């Protein structure tokens, strides 16, 4: 028996005829009669006596109506409970991440989340230094790097973010671009300072151009992005940023060894709060879709010439 067929029994019982039941359901009378006949056939019982005045329930029909009314009450209760839960999703969340991750992943996700849950306020703190969630400096964190350690937090692994070697279109036109890692030697590179200089992508790049002159060094990926666009040399950049900028050219397909782990971290003591859980689940799914889509786009192995020709068109 298809449970949905009980809706037709309930509508005809309340309306008194198949025609008026069809009007209440927004379908035609033929559909109602066909569904009733199919249900009666599957049950092996007659649910209505067809009279000139309308449809009158049999004993089996009354049992069917009672079951349908219980199902209707349960469905209404579920819908009301869900609406109440959505209305109760209110509160503030303090999220910390880097400026580049905020620009590429967090900010684009907020419009739709705000539409779904207008009562939840997001406070976004962008900083290269890492706030301590266990001490309450933030509620959530989106971070790239190794698995976070420590008590008082819960971490969720998301798809890795790929890093590629980029240069500007102007640099490519003047100096050409390396088409493989071995061709990096002989090109100018951009360097990083401080904690940023220990990023695996930068160690990888410098190892392949030990004699290259670093025209500019910075402790900020934002500054690196501007220096790349200015044509000062080659630099390593997450593809979520490089592919979004039409002034940049990916020299060769992202090396697999430069993939960086991405983690969504939640302060353990608030993880079960409905508004926190709703935002964490939403952001995780958004990041997963975005990073997976980018990885699939590069699975075929794009080249700098492909990038230049596609952007020129």
Protein backbone atom coordinates (compact mmCIF):
# COMPACT_ATOMS: atom_id res chain seq x y z
CA UNK A 1 0.00 0.00 0.00
CA UNK A 2 1.24 3.45 -0.87
CA UNK A 3 0.81 5.69 2.17
CA UNK A 4 0.12 8.67 -0.05
CA UNK A 5 -3.09 6.97 -1.24
CA UNK A 6 -4.63 7.53 2.20
CA UNK A 7 -4.74 11.27 1.41
CA UNK A 8 -7.33 10.51 -1.25
CA UNK A 9 -9.43 8.44 1.15
CA UNK A 10 -9.35 11.28 3.68
CA UNK A 11 -10.24 13.95 1.13
CA UNK A 12 -13.21 12.01 -0.31
CA UNK A 13 -14.45 11.17 3.19
CA UNK A 14 -14.38 14.81 4.25
CA UNK A 15 -15.83 16.17 1.02
CA UNK A 16 -18.46 13.48 0.59
CA UNK A 17 -17.71 12.74 -3.06
CA UNK A 18 -14.82 12.06 -5.42
CA UNK A 19 -15.51 15.26 -7.33
CA UNK A 20 -15.39 17.53 -4.29
CA UNK A 21 -12.39 15.57 -2.92
CA UNK A 22 -10.57 16.15 -6.19
CA UNK A 23 -11.20 19.89 -5.92
CA UNK A 24 -9.81 19.91 -2.36
CA UNK A 25 -6.67 18.06 -3.50
CA UNK A 26 -6.19 20.15 -6.63
CA UNK A 27 -6.38 17.16 -8.99
CA UNK A 28 -9.01 15.86 -11.38
CA UNK A 29 -11.78 13.42 -10.46
CA UNK A 30 -10.35 10.67 -12.65
CA UNK A 31 -7.12 10.71 -10.65
CA UNK A 32 -9.03 10.36 -7.39
CA UNK A 33 -11.13 7.45 -8.65
CA UNK A 34 -8.07 5.67 -10.05
CA UNK A 35 -6.13 6.02 -6.78
CA UNK A 36 -9.08 4.79 -4.71
CA UNK A 37 -9.61 1.78 -6.95
CA UNK A 38 -5.92 0.90 -6.83
CA UNK A 39 -5.91 1.15 -3.03
CA UNK A 40 -9.02 -0.97 -2.64
CA UNK A 41 -7.50 -3.56 -4.97
CA UNK A 42 -4.25 -3.71 -3.00
CA UNK A 43 -6.11 -3.94 0.33
CA UNK A 44 -8.73 -6.40 -0.91
CA UNK A 45 -11.45 -4.32 0.74
CA UNK A 46 -14.08 -1.83 -0.33
CA UNK A 47 -13.57 1.55 1.33
CA UNK A 48 -16.63 3.42 0.03
CA UNK A 49 -20.16 2.66 -1.00
CA UNK A 50 -20.84 4.61 -4.19
CA UNK A 51 -24.29 6.14 -3.96
CA UNK A 52 -26.09 8.73 -6.05
CA UNK A 53 -25.72 11.18 -3.16
CA UNK A 54 -21.96 10.60 -2.89
CA UNK A 55 -19.41 8.32 -1.24
CA UNK A 56 -20.21 6.67 2.11
CA UNK A 57 -17.49 5.01 4.18
CA UNK A 58 -17.56 1.30 4.82
CA UNK A 59 -16.15 -0.19 8.03
CA UNK A 60 -12.81 -0.71 6.28
CA UNK A 61 -13.03 2.87 5.02
CA UNK A 62 -13.46 4.20 8.55
CA UNK A 63 -10.31 2.36 9.63
CA UNK A 64 -8.46 3.88 6.70
CA UNK A 65 -9.67 7.38 7.59
CA UNK A 66 -8.58 6.97 11.22
CA UNK A 67 -5.11 5.93 10.04
CA UNK A 68 -4.96 8.83 7.58
CA UNK A 69 -5.97 11.33 10.28
CA UNK A 70 -3.20 10.08 12.56
CA UNK A 71 -0.67 10.44 9.77
CA UNK A 72 -1.96 13.94 9.01
CA UNK A 73 -1.54 14.97 12.65
CA UNK A 74 2.00 13.58 12.73
CA UNK A 75 2.91 15.39 9.51
CA UNK A 76 1.48 18.67 10.83
CA UNK A 77 3.31 18.22 14.13
CA UNK A 78 6.59 17.62 12.31
CA UNK A 79 6.12 20.70 10.12
CA UNK A 80 5.29 22.87 13.13
CA UNK A 81 8.23 21.52 15.13
CA UNK A 82 10.61 22.17 12.24
CA UNK A 83 9.31 25.72 11.81
CA UNK A 84 9.72 26.35 15.54
CA UNK A 85 13.26 25.00 15.45
CA UNK A 86 14.18 27.28 12.56
CA UNK A 87 12.71 30.26 14.38
CA UNK A 88 14.75 29.37 17.46
CA UNK A 89 18.05 29.43 15.53
CA UNK A 90 19.28 32.70 16.93
CA UNK A 91 22.50 33.88 18.48
CA UNK A 92 25.95 35.10 17.52
CA UNK A 93 28.97 33.15 16.32
CA UNK A 94 32.56 34.40 16.33
CA UNK A 95 34.43 32.85 13.40
CA UNK A 96 38.14 33.29 12.81
CA UNK A 97 40.09 32.51 9.65
CA UNK A 98 42.77 33.98 7.41
CA UNK A 99 41.93 36.92 5.19
CA UNK A 100 42.30 34.90 2.01
CA UNK A 101 40.12 32.01 3.25
CA UNK A 102 37.56 34.55 4.38
CA UNK A 103 37.48 36.17 0.95
CA UNK A 104 37.38 32.92 -1.04
CA UNK A 105 35.17 30.68 1.12
CA UNK A 106 33.52 32.31 4.11
CA UNK A 107 32.16 35.59 2.76
CA UNK A 108 30.59 34.03 -0.38
CA UNK A 109 28.74 31.51 1.81
CA UNK A 110 27.15 34.06 4.14
CA UNK A 111 24.43 35.43 1.86
CA UNK A 112 22.52 32.15 1.56
CA UNK A 113 23.03 31.25 5.22
CA UNK A 114 21.67 34.65 6.24
CA UNK A 115 18.59 34.02 4.12
CA UNK A 116 18.02 30.63 5.76
CA UNK A 117 18.72 31.75 9.33
CA UNK A 118 18.29 35.51 9.70
CA UNK A 119 18.48 35.28 13.49
CA UNK A 120 22.10 34.12 13.50
CA UNK A 121 24.75 36.86 13.53
CA UNK A 122 28.27 36.02 12.29
CA UNK A 123 31.25 37.97 13.64
CA UNK A 124 34.16 37.38 11.26
CA UNK A 125 37.69 37.90 12.60
CA UNK A 126 40.40 37.69 9.94
CA UNK A 127 43.93 37.27 11.23
CA UNK A 128 47.04 35.31 10.29
CA UNK A 129 47.70 34.59 13.97
CA UNK A 130 45.61 31.77 15.38
CA UNK A 131 43.06 32.60 18.07
CA UNK A 132 42.64 30.08 20.89
CA UNK A 133 39.17 28.53 20.65
CA UNK A 134 39.56 26.53 23.86
CA UNK A 135 40.01 29.80 25.77
CA UNK A 136 36.94 31.33 24.14
CA UNK A 137 38.75 33.73 21.81
CA UNK A 138 36.51 32.43 18.99
CA UNK A 139 33.73 29.89 18.51
CA UNK A 140 34.71 28.46 15.12
CA UNK A 141 37.84 28.52 12.98
CA UNK A 142 38.47 27.65 9.35
CA UNK A 143 42.15 26.84 8.92
CA UNK A 144 44.55 25.36 6.41
CA UNK A 145 47.39 23.26 7.76
CA UNK A 146 48.00 20.18 9.86
CA UNK A 147 45.42 18.60 12.14
CA UNK A 148 44.71 20.92 15.09
CA UNK A 149 45.68 19.57 18.49
CA UNK A 150 44.60 20.40 22.03
CA UNK A 151 41.72 19.96 24.43
CA UNK A 152 38.39 21.76 24.25
CA UNK A 153 37.98 21.67 20.46
CA UNK A 154 36.37 19.42 17.87
CA UNK A 155 37.90 19.40 14.37
CA UNK A 156 36.28 18.35 11.10
CA UNK A 157 38.49 17.49 8.10
CA UNK A 158 37.39 19.11 4.84
CA UNK A 159 38.76 18.57 1.31
CA UNK A 160 42.35 19.66 0.80
CA UNK A 161 43.12 22.96 -0.87
CA UNK A 162 45.55 22.78 -3.77
CA UNK A 163 48.43 25.23 -4.25
CA UNK A 164 49.81 26.22 -7.64
CA UNK A 165 52.68 28.28 -8.96
CA UNK A 166 51.41 31.55 -10.46
CA UNK A 167 52.70 34.62 -12.23
CA UNK A 168 51.00 37.63 -13.75
CA UNK A 169 49.89 37.84 -17.36
CA UNK A 170 52.44 40.67 -17.84
CA UNK A 171 55.27 38.52 -16.45
CA UNK A 172 54.19 35.62 -18.69
CA UNK A 173 54.25 37.87 -21.76
CA UNK A 174 57.71 39.24 -20.94
CA UNK A 175 59.55 36.28 -19.42
CA UNK A 176 57.49 33.28 -20.35
CA UNK A 177 56.38 30.73 -17.76
CA UNK A 178 57.88 27.47 -16.55
CA UNK A 179 55.85 24.54 -17.88
CA UNK A 180 57.04 22.10 -15.21
CA UNK A 181 58.70 22.25 -11.77
CA UNK A 182 62.14 21.65 -13.25
CA UNK A 183 61.80 24.83 -15.36
CA UNK A 184 61.39 27.15 -12.36
CA UNK A 185 65.15 27.71 -12.11
CA UNK A 186 66.06 30.86 -13.98
CA UNK A 187 62.87 32.71 -13.05
CA UNK A 188 62.42 35.38 -10.41
CA UNK A 189 60.44 34.31 -7.38
CA UNK A 190 58.64 36.05 -4.56
CA UNK A 191 59.55 35.13 -0.99
CA UNK A 192 57.79 34.93 2.35
CA UNK A 193 58.90 35.97 5.83
CA UNK A 194 58.18 34.81 9.36
CA UNK A 195 55.69 31.99 9.91
CA UNK A 196 54.58 32.22 6.27
CA UNK A 197 58.07 31.26 5.12
CA UNK A 198 57.57 27.84 6.71
CA UNK A 199 54.56 27.00 4.56
CA UNK A 200 55.24 23.77 2.59
CA UNK A 201 54.45 25.45 -0.74
CA UNK A 202 57.13 28.10 -0.21
CA UNK A 203 59.74 25.62 0.94
CA UNK A 204 58.92 23.59 -2.18
CA UNK A 205 59.26 26.63 -4.47
CA UNK A 206 62.56 27.81 -3.00
CA UNK A 207 64.00 24.28 -3.17
CA UNK A 208 63.44 24.29 -6.93
CA UNK A 209 65.02 27.70 -7.45
CA UNK A 210 67.90 27.83 -4.94
CA UNK A 211 69.77 30.49 -6.94
CA UNK A 212 66.77 32.64 -7.80
CA UNK A 213 66.61 36.21 -6.54
CA UNK A 214 63.61 36.88 -4.28
CA UNK A 215 62.53 40.31 -5.50
CA UNK A 216 60.18 40.85 -2.60
CA UNK A 217 59.44 39.19 0.71
CA UNK A 218 56.34 39.52 2.85
CA UNK A 219 54.65 37.86 5.79
CA UNK A 220 51.19 38.27 4.23
CA UNK A 221 49.51 36.28 1.46
CA UNK A 222 47.48 39.38 0.61
CA UNK A 223 50.70 41.30 -0.11
CA UNK A 224 51.97 38.32 -2.08
CA UNK A 225 48.87 38.43 -4.25
CA UNK A 226 49.43 42.09 -5.08
CA UNK A 227 53.11 41.48 -5.82
CA UNK A 228 52.23 38.61 -8.14
CA UNK A 229 49.78 40.86 -9.99
CA UNK A 230 52.51 43.52 -10.25
CA UNK A 231 54.68 41.08 -12.23
CA UNK A 232 57.53 40.79 -9.74
CA UNK A 233 58.02 37.04 -10.16
CA UNK A 234 56.61 33.59 -9.52
CA UNK A 235 54.82 32.72 -6.30
CA UNK A 236 52.89 29.89 -4.67
CA UNK A 237 49.22 30.61 -4.14
CA UNK A 238 46.15 28.53 -3.21
CA UNK A 239 44.17 27.90 -6.38
CA UNK A 240 40.98 29.16 -4.72
CA UNK A 241 42.56 32.61 -5.02
CA UNK A 242 44.70 32.23 -8.11
CA UNK A 243 41.90 30.93 -10.32
CA UNK A 244 39.57 33.72 -9.21
CA UNK A 245 41.94 36.45 -10.42
CA UNK A 246 42.04 37.06 -14.19
CA UNK A 247 45.43 38.79 -13.89
CA UNK A 248 47.15 35.60 -12.74
CA UNK A 249 48.34 32.62 -14.79
CA UNK A 250 48.78 29.09 -13.45
CA UNK A 251 52.18 27.94 -14.73
CA UNK A 252 51.53 24.18 -14.65
CA UNK A 253 49.05 21.80 -12.98
CA UNK A 254 49.10 22.02 -9.16
CA UNK A 255 51.68 19.57 -7.76
CA UNK A 256 49.91 16.92 -5.63
CA UNK A 257 52.49 17.28 -2.85
CA UNK A 258 51.44 20.90 -2.28
CA UNK A 259 47.92 20.04 -1.14
CA UNK A 260 47.15 21.51 2.28
CA UNK A 261 44.66 20.11 4.76
CA UNK A 262 41.64 22.25 5.60
CA UNK A 263 39.94 22.00 9.00
CA UNK A 264 36.78 23.40 10.50
CA UNK A 265 37.24 23.69 14.25
CA UNK A 266 34.47 24.23 16.80
CA UNK A 267 34.75 25.06 20.49
CA UNK A 268 33.60 21.87 22.17
CA UNK A 269 31.42 23.38 24.86
CA UNK A 270 29.13 25.10 22.33
CA UNK A 271 29.17 22.57 19.48
CA UNK A 272 25.68 21.25 20.32
CA UNK A 273 23.97 24.65 20.31
CA UNK A 274 21.50 24.64 17.39
CA UNK A 275 22.69 27.86 15.74
CA UNK A 276 26.35 26.83 16.01
CA UNK A 277 25.68 23.36 14.64
CA UNK A 278 23.59 24.77 11.79
CA UNK A 279 26.31 27.21 10.72
CA UNK A 280 29.13 24.67 11.08
CA UNK A 281 27.25 22.13 8.94
CA UNK A 282 26.36 24.76 6.34
CA UNK A 283 29.90 26.17 6.07
CA UNK A 284 31.45 22.69 5.90
CA UNK A 285 29.18 21.71 3.01
CA UNK A 286 29.85 24.98 1.16
CA UNK A 287 33.64 24.56 1.52
CA UNK A 288 33.39 20.92 0.47
CA UNK A 289 31.48 21.75 -2.71
CA UNK A 290 33.81 24.61 -3.63
CA UNK A 291 37.11 22.81 -3.08
CA UNK A 292 35.91 19.59 -4.69
CA UNK A 293 34.78 21.53 -7.75
CA UNK A 294 38.16 23.22 -8.11
CA UNK A 295 40.02 19.92 -7.71
CA UNK A 296 37.89 18.31 -10.42
CA UNK A 297 38.50 21.28 -12.73
CA UNK A 298 42.27 20.69 -12.50
CA UNK A 299 42.12 16.90 -12.61
CA UNK A 300 42.78 17.02 -16.36
CA UNK A 301 45.99 18.98 -15.85
CA UNK A 302 45.63 22.54 -17.10
CA UNK A 303 48.66 24.48 -18.36
CA UNK A 304 49.68 28.09 -18.48
CA UNK A 305 48.89 28.27 -22.20
CA UNK A 306 45.43 26.86 -21.53
CA UNK A 307 44.90 29.48 -18.84
CA UNK A 308 46.08 32.32 -21.05
CA UNK A 309 43.97 31.28 -24.04
CA UNK A 310 40.81 30.62 -22.03
CA UNK A 311 41.02 33.95 -20.22
CA UNK A 312 41.78 35.81 -23.41
CA UNK A 313 38.58 34.40 -24.91
